PDB file of N, CA and C in Angstrom:
ATOM      1  N   THR A   1      79.727  70.366  38.912  1.00  0.00           N
ATOM      2  CA  THR A   1      80.387  69.158  38.479  1.00  0.00           C
ATOM      3  C   THR A   1      81.920  69.340  38.588  1.00  0.00           C
ATOM      4  N   GLU A   2      82.567  68.265  38.792  1.00  0.00           N
ATOM      5  CA  GLU A   2      84.065  68.343  38.871  1.00  0.00           C
ATOM      6  C   GLU A   2      84.707  68.253  37.480  1.00  0.00           C
ATOM      7  N   GLY A   3      85.748  68.929  37.340  1.00  0.00           N
ATOM      8  CA  GLY A   3      86.533  68.888  36.056  1.00  0.00           C
ATOM      9  C   GLY A   3      87.336  67.614  36.008  1.00  0.00           C
ATOM     10  N   PRO A   4      88.101  67.473  34.944  1.00  0.00           N
ATOM     11  CA  PRO A   4      88.928  66.256  34.841  1.00  0.00           C
ATOM     12  C   PRO A   4      89.957  66.234  35.939  1.00  0.00           C
ATOM     13  N   ALA A   5      90.447  65.022  36.309  1.00  0.00           N
ATOM     14  CA  ALA A   5      91.436  64.829  37.317  1.00  0.00           C
ATOM     15  C   ALA A   5      92.756  65.370  36.832  1.00  0.00           C
ATOM     16  N   PRO A   6      93.537  65.960  37.737  1.00  0.00           N
ATOM     17  CA  PRO A   6      94.847  66.452  37.356  1.00  0.00           C
ATOM     18  C   PRO A   6      95.737  65.340  36.881  1.00  0.00           C
ATOM     19  N   ALA A   7      96.657  65.729  35.965  1.00  0.00           N
ATOM     20  CA  ALA A   7      97.623  64.740  35.413  1.00  0.00           C
ATOM     21  C   ALA A   7      98.801  64.594  36.292  1.00  0.00           C
ATOM     22  N   GLY A   8      99.572  63.572  36.076  1.00  0.00           N
ATOM     23  CA  GLY A   8     100.840  63.369  36.792  1.00  0.00           C
ATOM     24  C   GLY A   8     100.715  62.953  38.196  1.00  0.00           C
ATOM     25  N   PRO A   9     101.593  63.340  39.120  1.00  0.00           N
ATOM     26  CA  PRO A   9     101.638  62.868  40.455  1.00  0.00           C
ATOM     27  C   PRO A   9     100.428  63.407  41.245  1.00  0.00           C
ATOM     28  N   LEU A  10      99.706  64.385  40.764  1.00  0.00           N
ATOM     29  CA  LEU A  10      98.607  64.939  41.606  1.00  0.00           C
ATOM     30  C   LEU A  10      97.324  64.178  41.313  1.00  0.00           C
ATOM     31  N   ARG A  11      97.268  63.318  40.332  1.00  0.00           N
ATOM     32  CA  ARG A  11      96.048  62.514  40.036  1.00  0.00           C
ATOM     33  C   ARG A  11      95.744  61.578  41.283  1.00  0.00           C
ATOM     34  N   ARG A  12      94.512  61.507  41.626  1.00  0.00           N
ATOM     35  CA  ARG A  12      94.090  60.727  42.742  1.00  0.00           C
ATOM     36  C   ARG A  12      93.393  59.439  42.342  1.00  0.00           C
ATOM     37  N   ARG A  13      93.646  58.360  43.074  1.00  0.00           N
ATOM     38  CA  ARG A  13      92.859  57.146  42.857  1.00  0.00           C
ATOM     39  C   ARG A  13      91.875  57.048  44.070  1.00  0.00           C
ATOM     40  N   ASN A  14      90.732  56.523  43.871  1.00  0.00           N
ATOM     41  CA  ASN A  14      89.700  56.287  44.931  1.00  0.00           C
ATOM     42  C   ASN A  14      89.407  57.588  45.655  1.00  0.00           C
ATOM     43  N   GLY A  15      89.202  58.664  44.958  1.00  0.00           N
ATOM     44  CA  GLY A  15      88.839  59.963  45.636  1.00  0.00           C
ATOM     45  C   GLY A  15      89.952  60.707  46.169  1.00  0.00           C
ATOM     46  N   GLY A  16      90.787  60.107  46.959  1.00  0.00           N
ATOM     47  CA  GLY A  16      92.072  60.671  47.446  1.00  0.00           C
ATOM     48  C   GLY A  16      91.962  61.817  48.408  1.00  0.00           C
ATOM     49  N   GLY A  17      90.802  62.064  49.101  1.00  0.00           N
ATOM     50  CA  GLY A  17      90.717  63.160  49.978  1.00  0.00           C
ATOM     51  C   GLY A  17      91.807  63.113  51.128  1.00  0.00           C
ATOM     52  N   ALA A  18      92.021  61.954  51.662  1.00  0.00           N
ATOM     53  CA  ALA A  18      93.041  61.833  52.682  1.00  0.00           C
ATOM     54  C   ALA A  18      94.439  62.100  52.174  1.00  0.00           C
ATOM     55  N   ALA A  19      94.684  61.665  50.909  1.00  0.00           N
ATOM     56  CA  ALA A  19      96.022  61.885  50.288  1.00  0.00           C
ATOM     57  C   ALA A  19      96.216  63.391  50.148  1.00  0.00           C
ATOM     58  N   VAL A  20      95.222  64.124  49.690  1.00  0.00           N
ATOM     59  CA  VAL A  20      95.314  65.609  49.492  1.00  0.00           C
ATOM     60  C   VAL A  20      95.644  66.233  50.796  1.00  0.00           C
ATOM     61  N   ALA A  21      94.968  65.913  51.867  1.00  0.00           N
ATOM     62  CA  ALA A  21      95.220  66.449  53.192  1.00  0.00           C
ATOM     63  C   ALA A  21      96.640  66.139  53.611  1.00  0.00           C
ATOM     64  N   GLY A  22      97.079  64.950  53.411  1.00  0.00           N
ATOM     65  CA  GLY A  22      98.448  64.493  53.787  1.00  0.00           C
ATOM     66  C   GLY A  22      99.508  65.296  53.031  1.00  0.00           C
ATOM     67  N   GLU A  23      99.217  65.552  51.739  1.00  0.00           N
ATOM     68  CA  GLU A  23     100.194  66.291  50.972  1.00  0.00           C
ATOM     69  C   GLU A  23     100.269  67.697  51.388  1.00  0.00           C
ATOM     70  N   ARG A  24      99.116  68.338  51.722  1.00  0.00           N
ATOM     71  CA  ARG A  24      99.165  69.711  52.269  1.00  0.00           C
ATOM     72  C   ARG A  24      99.961  69.770  53.530  1.00  0.00           C
ATOM     73  N   SER A  25      99.794  68.772  54.396  1.00  0.00           N
ATOM     74  CA  SER A  25     100.528  68.678  55.585  1.00  0.00           C
ATOM     75  C   SER A  25     102.009  68.519  55.350  1.00  0.00           C
ATOM     76  N   GLY A  26     102.370  67.689  54.373  1.00  0.00           N
ATOM     77  CA  GLY A  26     103.771  67.494  54.004  1.00  0.00           C
ATOM     78  C   GLY A  26     104.403  68.770  53.509  1.00  0.00           C
ATOM     79  N   PHE A  27     103.680  69.530  52.682  1.00  0.00           N
ATOM     80  CA  PHE A  27     104.171  70.773  52.096  1.00  0.00           C
ATOM     81  C   PHE A  27     104.363  71.777  53.276  1.00  0.00           C
ATOM     82  N   THR A  28     103.372  71.880  54.177  1.00  0.00           N
ATOM     83  CA  THR A  28     103.486  72.806  55.285  1.00  0.00           C
ATOM     84  C   THR A  28     104.669  72.500  56.157  1.00  0.00           C
ATOM     85  N   GLU A  29     104.884  71.209  56.399  1.00  0.00           N
ATOM     86  CA  GLU A  29     106.031  70.803  57.217  1.00  0.00           C
ATOM     87  C   GLU A  29     107.312  71.160  56.576  1.00  0.00           C
ATOM     88  N   MET A  30     107.428  70.930  55.231  1.00  0.00           N
ATOM     89  CA  MET A  30     108.638  71.238  54.551  1.00  0.00           C
ATOM     90  C   MET A  30     108.896  72.753  54.585  1.00  0.00           C
ATOM     91  N   MET A  31     107.849  73.611  54.480  1.00  0.00           N
ATOM     92  CA  MET A  31     107.970  75.002  54.491  1.00  0.00           C
ATOM     93  C   MET A  31     108.457  75.485  55.868  1.00  0.00           C
ATOM     94  N   SER A  32     108.177  74.694  56.919  1.00  0.00           N
ATOM     95  CA  SER A  32     108.624  75.093  58.232  1.00  0.00           C
ATOM     96  C   SER A  32     110.063  74.669  58.583  1.00  0.00           C
ATOM     97  N   LEU A  33     110.678  73.984  57.652  1.00  0.00           N
ATOM     98  CA  LEU A  33     112.072  73.523  57.874  1.00  0.00           C
ATOM     99  C   LEU A  33     112.986  74.794  57.840  1.00  0.00           C
ATOM    100  N   ASP A  34     114.170  74.652  58.390  1.00  0.00           N
ATOM    101  CA  ASP A  34     115.157  75.729  58.408  1.00  0.00           C
ATOM    102  C   ASP A  34     115.915  75.808  57.123  1.00  0.00           C
ATOM    103  N   ILE A  35     115.198  75.857  55.975  1.00  0.00           N
ATOM    104  CA  ILE A  35     115.747  75.873  54.652  1.00  0.00           C
ATOM    105  C   ILE A  35     115.298  77.192  54.038  1.00  0.00           C
ATOM    106  N   SER A  36     116.238  78.079  53.648  1.00  0.00           N
ATOM    107  CA  SER A  36     115.854  79.397  53.111  1.00  0.00           C
ATOM    108  C   SER A  36     115.504  79.404  51.659  1.00  0.00           C
ATOM    109  N   ASP A  37     115.940  78.435  50.877  1.00  0.00           N
ATOM    110  CA  ASP A  37     115.695  78.430  49.421  1.00  0.00           C
ATOM    111  C   ASP A  37     114.345  77.803  49.111  1.00  0.00           C
ATOM    112  N   SER A  38     113.382  78.599  48.761  1.00  0.00           N
ATOM    113  CA  SER A  38     112.025  78.007  48.495  1.00  0.00           C
ATOM    114  C   SER A  38     112.034  77.088  47.252  1.00  0.00           C
ATOM    115  N   ALA A  39     112.941  77.311  46.327  1.00  0.00           N
ATOM    116  CA  ALA A  39     113.083  76.441  45.154  1.00  0.00           C
ATOM    117  C   ALA A  39     113.530  75.046  45.613  1.00  0.00           C
ATOM    118  N   GLN A  40     114.413  74.969  46.571  1.00  0.00           N
ATOM    119  CA  GLN A  40     114.813  73.694  47.144  1.00  0.00           C
ATOM    120  C   GLN A  40     113.670  72.956  47.745  1.00  0.00           C
ATOM    121  N   ILE A  41     112.894  73.661  48.504  1.00  0.00           N
ATOM    122  CA  ILE A  41     111.689  73.038  49.151  1.00  0.00           C
ATOM    123  C   ILE A  41     110.749  72.586  48.089  1.00  0.00           C
ATOM    124  N   TYR A  42     110.485  73.388  47.083  1.00  0.00           N
ATOM    125  CA  TYR A  42     109.577  73.014  45.977  1.00  0.00           C
ATOM    126  C   TYR A  42     110.091  71.760  45.281  1.00  0.00           C
ATOM    127  N   ALA A  43     111.351  71.718  44.969  1.00  0.00           N
ATOM    128  CA  ALA A  43     111.902  70.550  44.242  1.00  0.00           C
ATOM    129  C   ALA A  43     111.674  69.302  45.095  1.00  0.00           C
ATOM    130  N   ALA A  44     111.942  69.454  46.368  1.00  0.00           N
ATOM    131  CA  ALA A  44     111.848  68.264  47.276  1.00  0.00           C
ATOM    132  C   ALA A  44     110.385  67.816  47.375  1.00  0.00           C
ATOM    133  N   PHE A  45     109.483  68.794  47.389  1.00  0.00           N
ATOM    134  CA  PHE A  45     108.053  68.431  47.502  1.00  0.00           C
ATOM    135  C   PHE A  45     107.554  67.736  46.253  1.00  0.00           C
ATOM    136  N   VAL A  46     108.001  68.239  45.042  1.00  0.00           N
ATOM    137  CA  VAL A  46     107.633  67.553  43.776  1.00  0.00           C
ATOM    138  C   VAL A  46     108.075  66.062  43.748  1.00  0.00           C
ATOM    139  N   VAL A  47     109.331  65.816  44.184  1.00  0.00           N
ATOM    140  CA  VAL A  47     109.838  64.427  44.259  1.00  0.00           C
ATOM    141  C   VAL A  47     109.034  63.660  45.325  1.00  0.00           C
ATOM    142  N   TYR A  48     108.782  64.273  46.489  1.00  0.00           N
ATOM    143  CA  TYR A  48     108.020  63.642  47.520  1.00  0.00           C
ATOM    144  C   TYR A  48     106.676  63.201  47.044  1.00  0.00           C
ATOM    145  N   LEU A  49     105.966  64.049  46.263  1.00  0.00           N
ATOM    146  CA  LEU A  49     104.665  63.679  45.719  1.00  0.00           C
ATOM    147  C   LEU A  49     104.808  62.518  44.695  1.00  0.00           C
ATOM    148  N   ASP A  50     105.851  62.608  43.909  1.00  0.00           N
ATOM    149  CA  ASP A  50     106.043  61.523  42.930  1.00  0.00           C
ATOM    150  C   ASP A  50     106.373  60.169  43.593  1.00  0.00           C
ATOM    151  N   LEU A  51     107.103  60.174  44.655  1.00  0.00           N
ATOM    152  CA  LEU A  51     107.401  58.932  45.331  1.00  0.00           C
ATOM    153  C   LEU A  51     106.146  58.375  45.976  1.00  0.00           C
ATOM    154  N   LEU A  52     105.398  59.268  46.624  1.00  0.00           N
ATOM    155  CA  LEU A  52     104.129  58.814  47.319  1.00  0.00           C
ATOM    156  C   LEU A  52     103.006  58.399  46.300  1.00  0.00           C
ATOM    157  N   GLU A  53     102.705  59.280  45.425  1.00  0.00           N
ATOM    158  CA  GLU A  53     101.549  59.098  44.550  1.00  0.00           C
ATOM    159  C   GLU A  53     101.846  58.453  43.223  1.00  0.00           C
ATOM    160  N   GLY A  54     102.927  58.784  42.627  1.00  0.00           N
ATOM    161  CA  GLY A  54     103.216  58.293  41.324  1.00  0.00           C
ATOM    162  C   GLY A  54     103.870  56.876  41.379  1.00  0.00           C
ATOM    163  N   ARG A  55     104.744  56.709  42.341  1.00  0.00           N
ATOM    164  CA  ARG A  55     105.534  55.425  42.411  1.00  0.00           C
ATOM    165  C   ARG A  55     105.045  54.545  43.570  1.00  0.00           C
ATOM    166  N   ASN A  56     104.251  55.072  44.445  1.00  0.00           N
ATOM    167  CA  ASN A  56     103.729  54.307  45.581  1.00  0.00           C
ATOM    168  C   ASN A  56     104.873  53.683  46.468  1.00  0.00           C
ATOM    169  N   TRP A  57     105.815  54.495  46.776  1.00  0.00           N
ATOM    170  CA  TRP A  57     106.910  54.048  47.703  1.00  0.00           C
ATOM    171  C   TRP A  57     106.414  54.073  49.087  1.00  0.00           C
ATOM    172  N   HIS A  58     107.172  53.444  50.019  1.00  0.00           N
ATOM    173  CA  HIS A  58     106.772  53.303  51.382  1.00  0.00           C
ATOM    174  C   HIS A  58     107.665  54.107  52.268  1.00  0.00           C
ATOM    175  N   GLU A  59     107.054  54.500  53.417  1.00  0.00           N
ATOM    176  CA  GLU A  59     107.759  55.252  54.455  1.00  0.00           C
ATOM    177  C   GLU A  59     108.468  56.515  53.908  1.00  0.00           C
ATOM    178  N   VAL A  60     107.852  57.255  53.068  1.00  0.00           N
ATOM    179  CA  VAL A  60     108.408  58.455  52.504  1.00  0.00           C
ATOM    180  C   VAL A  60     108.456  59.569  53.566  1.00  0.00           C
ATOM    181  N   LYS A  61     109.592  60.008  53.924  1.00  0.00           N
ATOM    182  CA  LYS A  61     109.726  61.050  54.956  1.00  0.00           C
ATOM    183  C   LYS A  61     110.704  62.125  54.408  1.00  0.00           C
ATOM    184  N   HIS A  62     110.594  63.264  54.953  1.00  0.00           N
ATOM    185  CA  HIS A  62     111.526  64.344  54.575  1.00  0.00           C
ATOM    186  C   HIS A  62     112.243  64.858  55.805  1.00  0.00           C
ATOM    187  N   VAL A  63     113.476  65.284  55.633  1.00  0.00           N
ATOM    188  CA  VAL A  63     114.325  65.768  56.783  1.00  0.00           C
ATOM    189  C   VAL A  63     115.065  66.933  56.187  1.00  0.00           C
ATOM    190  N   GLY A  64     115.012  68.049  56.921  1.00  0.00           N
ATOM    191  CA  GLY A  64     115.758  69.231  56.530  1.00  0.00           C
ATOM    192  C   GLY A  64     117.207  69.117  57.120  1.00  0.00           C
ATOM    193  N   VAL A  65     118.137  69.424  56.274  1.00  0.00           N
ATOM    194  CA  VAL A  65     119.610  69.446  56.721  1.00  0.00           C
ATOM    195  C   VAL A  65     120.034  70.919  56.640  1.00  0.00           C
ATOM    196  N   ALA A  66     119.747  71.624  57.726  1.00  0.00           N
ATOM    197  CA  ALA A  66     120.041  73.076  57.786  1.00  0.00           C
ATOM    198  C   ALA A  66     121.462  73.451  57.500  1.00  0.00           C
ATOM    199  N   GLU A  67     122.329  72.523  57.948  1.00  0.00           N
ATOM    200  CA  GLU A  67     123.800  72.823  57.699  1.00  0.00           C
ATOM    201  C   GLU A  67     124.164  72.988  56.238  1.00  0.00           C
ATOM    202  N   LEU A  68     123.396  72.267  55.327  1.00  0.00           N
ATOM    203  CA  LEU A  68     123.682  72.307  53.881  1.00  0.00           C
ATOM    204  C   LEU A  68     122.546  72.964  53.127  1.00  0.00           C
ATOM    205  N   GLN A  69     121.449  73.446  53.906  1.00  0.00           N
ATOM    206  CA  GLN A  69     120.309  74.086  53.278  1.00  0.00           C
ATOM    207  C   GLN A  69     119.647  73.232  52.214  1.00  0.00           C
ATOM    208  N   LEU A  70     119.522  71.911  52.562  1.00  0.00           N
ATOM    209  CA  LEU A  70     118.904  70.929  51.623  1.00  0.00           C
ATOM    210  C   LEU A  70     117.853  70.124  52.333  1.00  0.00           C
ATOM    211  N   VAL A  71     116.982  69.525  51.605  1.00  0.00           N
ATOM    212  CA  VAL A  71     115.923  68.587  52.086  1.00  0.00           C
ATOM    213  C   VAL A  71     116.355  67.231  51.608  1.00  0.00           C
ATOM    214  N   CYS A  72     116.474  66.243  52.547  1.00  0.00           N
ATOM    215  CA  CYS A  72     116.696  64.859  52.117  1.00  0.00           C
ATOM    216  C   CYS A  72     115.374  64.112  52.211  1.00  0.00           C
ATOM    217  N   LEU A  73     115.148  63.220  51.275  1.00  0.00           N
ATOM    218  CA  LEU A  73     113.976  62.329  51.347  1.00  0.00           C
ATOM    219  C   LEU A  73     114.457  60.950  51.619  1.00  0.00           C
ATOM    220  N   HIS A  74     113.723  60.253  52.499  1.00  0.00           N
ATOM    221  CA  HIS A  74     114.053  58.880  52.827  1.00  0.00           C
ATOM    222  C   HIS A  74     112.841  58.019  52.502  1.00  0.00           C
ATOM    223  N   ALA A  75     113.024  56.900  51.824  1.00  0.00           N
ATOM    224  CA  ALA A  75     111.897  56.030  51.389  1.00  0.00           C
ATOM    225  C   ALA A  75     112.373  54.681  51.051  1.00  0.00           C
ATOM    226  N   ARG A  76     111.430  53.773  51.005  1.00  0.00           N
ATOM    227  CA  ARG A  76     111.637  52.404  50.545  1.00  0.00           C
ATOM    228  C   ARG A  76     110.815  52.123  49.319  1.00  0.00           C
ATOM    229  N   GLU A  77     111.411  51.570  48.304  1.00  0.00           N
ATOM    230  CA  GLU A  77     110.618  51.282  47.099  1.00  0.00           C
ATOM    231  C   GLU A  77     109.596  50.192  47.390  1.00  0.00           C
ATOM    232  N   ARG A  78     109.976  49.164  48.185  1.00  0.00           N
ATOM    233  CA  ARG A  78     109.054  48.165  48.650  1.00  0.00           C
ATOM    234  C   ARG A  78     109.251  48.035  50.107  1.00  0.00           C
ATOM    235  N   GLU A  79     108.256  47.524  50.841  1.00  0.00           N
ATOM    236  CA  GLU A  79     108.323  47.545  52.308  1.00  0.00           C
ATOM    237  C   GLU A  79     109.615  46.817  52.819  1.00  0.00           C
ATOM    238  N   GLN A  80     109.994  45.727  52.164  1.00  0.00           N
ATOM    239  CA  GLN A  80     111.140  44.967  52.606  1.00  0.00           C
ATOM    240  C   GLN A  80     112.474  45.502  52.149  1.00  0.00           C
ATOM    241  N   ASP A  81     112.474  46.485  51.255  1.00  0.00           N
ATOM    242  CA  ASP A  81     113.691  47.078  50.735  1.00  0.00           C
ATOM    243  C   ASP A  81     114.495  47.912  51.759  1.00  0.00           C
ATOM    244  N   SER A  82     115.724  48.117  51.468  1.00  0.00           N
ATOM    245  CA  SER A  82     116.548  49.035  52.305  1.00  0.00           C
ATOM    246  C   SER A  82     116.109  50.485  52.087  1.00  0.00           C
ATOM    247  N   LEU A  83     116.330  51.251  53.094  1.00  0.00           N
ATOM    248  CA  LEU A  83     116.020  52.691  53.063  1.00  0.00           C
ATOM    249  C   LEU A  83     116.906  53.389  52.009  1.00  0.00           C
ATOM    250  N   GLN A  84     116.318  54.147  51.139  1.00  0.00           N
ATOM    251  CA  GLN A  84     117.055  54.965  50.153  1.00  0.00           C
ATOM    252  C   GLN A  84     116.951  56.427  50.517  1.00  0.00           C
ATOM    253  N   VAL A  85     118.062  57.162  50.297  1.00  0.00           N
ATOM    254  CA  VAL A  85     118.068  58.570  50.627  1.00  0.00           C
ATOM    255  C   VAL A  85     118.237  59.332  49.304  1.00  0.00           C
ATOM    256  N   MET A  86     117.403  60.330  49.082  1.00  0.00           N
ATOM    257  CA  MET A  86     117.482  61.172  47.896  1.00  0.00           C
ATOM    258  C   MET A  86     117.608  62.577  48.268  1.00  0.00           C
ATOM    259  N   VAL A  87     118.284  63.405  47.477  1.00  0.00           N
ATOM    260  CA  VAL A  87     118.406  64.815  47.722  1.00  0.00           C
ATOM    261  C   VAL A  87     118.026  65.517  46.474  1.00  0.00           C
ATOM    262  N   PRO A  88     116.710  65.886  46.354  1.00  0.00           N
ATOM    263  CA  PRO A  88     116.304  66.648  45.158  1.00  0.00           C
ATOM    264  C   PRO A  88     116.841  68.083  45.267  1.00  0.00           C
ATOM    265  N   VAL A  89     117.299  68.522  44.122  1.00  0.00           N
ATOM    266  CA  VAL A  89     117.771  69.921  44.020  1.00  0.00           C
ATOM    267  C   VAL A  89     117.177  70.571  42.815  1.00  0.00           C
ATOM    268  N   PRO A  90     116.928  71.915  42.951  1.00  0.00           N
ATOM    269  CA  PRO A  90     116.405  72.635  41.762  1.00  0.00           C
ATOM    270  C   PRO A  90     117.451  72.790  40.722  1.00  0.00           C
ATOM    271  N   VAL A  91     117.076  73.071  39.520  1.00  0.00           N
ATOM    272  CA  VAL A  91     117.963  73.104  38.394  1.00  0.00           C
ATOM    273  C   VAL A  91     118.997  74.254  38.508  1.00  0.00           C
ATOM    274  N   HIS A  92     118.742  75.285  39.268  1.00  0.00           N
ATOM    275  CA  HIS A  92     119.702  76.352  39.370  1.00  0.00           C
ATOM    276  C   HIS A  92     120.925  76.032  40.259  1.00  0.00           C
ATOM    277  N   ILE A  93     120.872  74.916  40.972  1.00  0.00           N
ATOM    278  CA  ILE A  93     121.992  74.468  41.779  1.00  0.00           C
ATOM    279  C   ILE A  93     122.828  73.479  40.921  1.00  0.00           C
ATOM    280  N   SER A  94     124.082  73.869  40.700  1.00  0.00           N
ATOM    281  CA  SER A  94     124.938  73.040  39.922  1.00  0.00           C
ATOM    282  C   SER A  94     125.746  72.128  40.893  1.00  0.00           C
ATOM    283  N   LEU A  95     125.828  70.860  40.583  1.00  0.00           N
ATOM    284  CA  LEU A  95     126.529  69.900  41.410  1.00  0.00           C
ATOM    285  C   LEU A  95     127.638  69.310  40.596  1.00  0.00           C
ATOM    286  N   SER A  96     128.842  69.223  41.122  1.00  0.00           N
ATOM    287  CA  SER A  96     129.963  68.636  40.453  1.00  0.00           C
ATOM    288  C   SER A  96     130.691  67.778  41.446  1.00  0.00           C
ATOM    289  N   HIS A  97     130.778  66.470  41.249  1.00  0.00           N
ATOM    290  CA  HIS A  97     131.370  65.601  42.256  1.00  0.00           C
ATOM    291  C   HIS A  97     132.811  66.053  42.542  1.00  0.00           C
ATOM    292  N   GLU A  98     133.548  66.382  41.494  1.00  0.00           N
ATOM    293  CA  GLU A  98     134.943  66.804  41.630  1.00  0.00           C
ATOM    294  C   GLU A  98     135.058  68.105  42.457  1.00  0.00           C
ATOM    295  N   ARG A  99     134.281  69.086  42.036  1.00  0.00           N
ATOM    296  CA  ARG A  99     134.340  70.378  42.714  1.00  0.00           C
ATOM    297  C   ARG A  99     133.818  70.347  44.085  1.00  0.00           C
ATOM    298  N   ASP A 100     132.765  69.618  44.294  1.00  0.00           N
ATOM    299  CA  ASP A 100     132.028  69.632  45.517  1.00  0.00           C
ATOM    300  C   ASP A 100     132.270  68.390  46.336  1.00  0.00           C
ATOM    301  N   ARG A 101     133.390  67.770  46.242  1.00  0.00           N
ATOM    302  CA  ARG A 101     133.719  66.467  46.920  1.00  0.00           C
ATOM    303  C   ARG A 101     133.437  66.577  48.439  1.00  0.00           C
ATOM    304  N   VAL A 102     133.943  67.590  49.065  1.00  0.00           N
ATOM    305  CA  VAL A 102     133.740  67.739  50.495  1.00  0.00           C
ATOM    306  C   VAL A 102     132.232  67.950  50.806  1.00  0.00           C
ATOM    307  N   ARG A 103     131.598  68.721  50.043  1.00  0.00           N
ATOM    308  CA  ARG A 103     130.165  68.993  50.225  1.00  0.00           C
ATOM    309  C   ARG A 103     129.405  67.656  50.100  1.00  0.00           C
ATOM    310  N   MET A 104     129.698  66.871  49.062  1.00  0.00           N
ATOM    311  CA  MET A 104     129.047  65.581  48.793  1.00  0.00           C
ATOM    312  C   MET A 104     129.302  64.650  50.018  1.00  0.00           C
ATOM    313  N   GLN A 105     130.523  64.619  50.553  1.00  0.00           N
ATOM    314  CA  GLN A 105     130.806  63.776  51.699  1.00  0.00           C
ATOM    315  C   GLN A 105     130.008  64.210  52.929  1.00  0.00           C
ATOM    316  N   ASP A 106     129.920  65.578  53.090  1.00  0.00           N
ATOM    317  CA  ASP A 106     129.086  66.130  54.210  1.00  0.00           C
ATOM    318  C   ASP A 106     127.688  65.765  54.013  1.00  0.00           C
ATOM    319  N   LEU A 107     127.192  65.890  52.781  1.00  0.00           N
ATOM    320  CA  LEU A 107     125.798  65.626  52.482  1.00  0.00           C
ATOM    321  C   LEU A 107     125.484  64.189  52.803  1.00  0.00           C
ATOM    322  N   HIS A 108     126.339  63.276  52.358  1.00  0.00           N
ATOM    323  CA  HIS A 108     126.145  61.843  52.654  1.00  0.00           C
ATOM    324  C   HIS A 108     126.010  61.579  54.154  1.00  0.00           C
ATOM    325  N   SER A 109     127.002  62.036  54.868  1.00  0.00           N
ATOM    326  CA  SER A 109     127.003  61.733  56.301  1.00  0.00           C
ATOM    327  C   SER A 109     125.785  62.434  57.009  1.00  0.00           C
ATOM    328  N   LEU A 110     125.533  63.712  56.633  1.00  0.00           N
ATOM    329  CA  LEU A 110     124.431  64.422  57.297  1.00  0.00           C
ATOM    330  C   LEU A 110     123.043  63.831  57.020  1.00  0.00           C
ATOM    331  N   CYS A 111     122.856  63.465  55.732  1.00  0.00           N
ATOM    332  CA  CYS A 111     121.529  62.848  55.376  1.00  0.00           C
ATOM    333  C   CYS A 111     121.330  61.510  56.105  1.00  0.00           C
ATOM    334  N   PHE A 112     122.348  60.727  56.175  1.00  0.00           N
ATOM    335  CA  PHE A 112     122.240  59.430  56.892  1.00  0.00           C
ATOM    336  C   PHE A 112     122.081  59.620  58.364  1.00  0.00           C
ATOM    337  N   GLU A 113     122.766  60.662  58.916  1.00  0.00           N
ATOM    338  CA  GLU A 113     122.638  60.944  60.347  1.00  0.00           C
ATOM    339  C   GLU A 113     121.256  61.383  60.618  1.00  0.00           C
ATOM    340  N   HIS A 114     120.746  62.284  59.867  1.00  0.00           N
ATOM    341  CA  HIS A 114     119.315  62.759  60.040  1.00  0.00           C
ATOM    342  C   HIS A 114     118.360  61.664  59.766  1.00  0.00           C
ATOM    343  N   SER A 115     118.661  60.783  58.759  1.00  0.00           N
ATOM    344  CA  SER A 115     117.846  59.670  58.450  1.00  0.00           C
ATOM    345  C   SER A 115     117.678  58.747  59.622  1.00  0.00           C
ATOM    346  N   ALA A 116     118.723  58.426  60.252  1.00  0.00           N
ATOM    347  CA  ALA A 116     118.667  57.527  61.409  1.00  0.00           C
ATOM    348  C   ALA A 116     117.809  58.083  62.492  1.00  0.00           C
ATOM    349  N   ALA A 117     117.925  59.400  62.725  1.00  0.00           N
ATOM    350  CA  ALA A 117     117.119  60.055  63.791  1.00  0.00           C
ATOM    351  C   ALA A 117     115.638  60.001  63.373  1.00  0.00           C
ATOM    352  N   ALA A 118     115.356  60.176  62.081  1.00  0.00           N
ATOM    353  CA  ALA A 118     113.921  60.212  61.660  1.00  0.00           C
ATOM    354  C   ALA A 118     113.233  58.882  61.719  1.00  0.00           C
ATOM    355  N   PHE A 119     114.015  57.774  61.717  1.00  0.00           N
ATOM    356  CA  PHE A 119     113.379  56.472  61.753  1.00  0.00           C
ATOM    357  C   PHE A 119     113.516  55.796  63.139  1.00  0.00           C
ATOM    358  N   LEU A 120     113.939  56.515  64.165  1.00  0.00           N
ATOM    359  CA  LEU A 120     114.008  55.948  65.534  1.00  0.00           C
ATOM    360  C   LEU A 120     112.693  56.063  66.211  1.00  0.00           C
TER     361      LEU A 120
END
């Protein structure tokens, strides 16, 4: 017999076999990105799962930005909504808009540059 369904974003509706296979594929793809910090990949994957399974967002895709060693997520809350770009980071990375202004500007332009390529 099966045990209770997992809680949180891993809980499946309607059996979810295809969802589990897709999530494994998503994690494998993220691990193959040119990102050396496994904590960064894990943080991105947790948010990726939440957007797909917990929040049911549309067109959730991930793009590695090797120049900044970050993973950007691109998604739409609803099908007709504009594309949103998120950059999940693990807690050990400290971000300060004042201190990292140049990095933030680079991040913004690189994520949108990679986003445009991902959706073509």
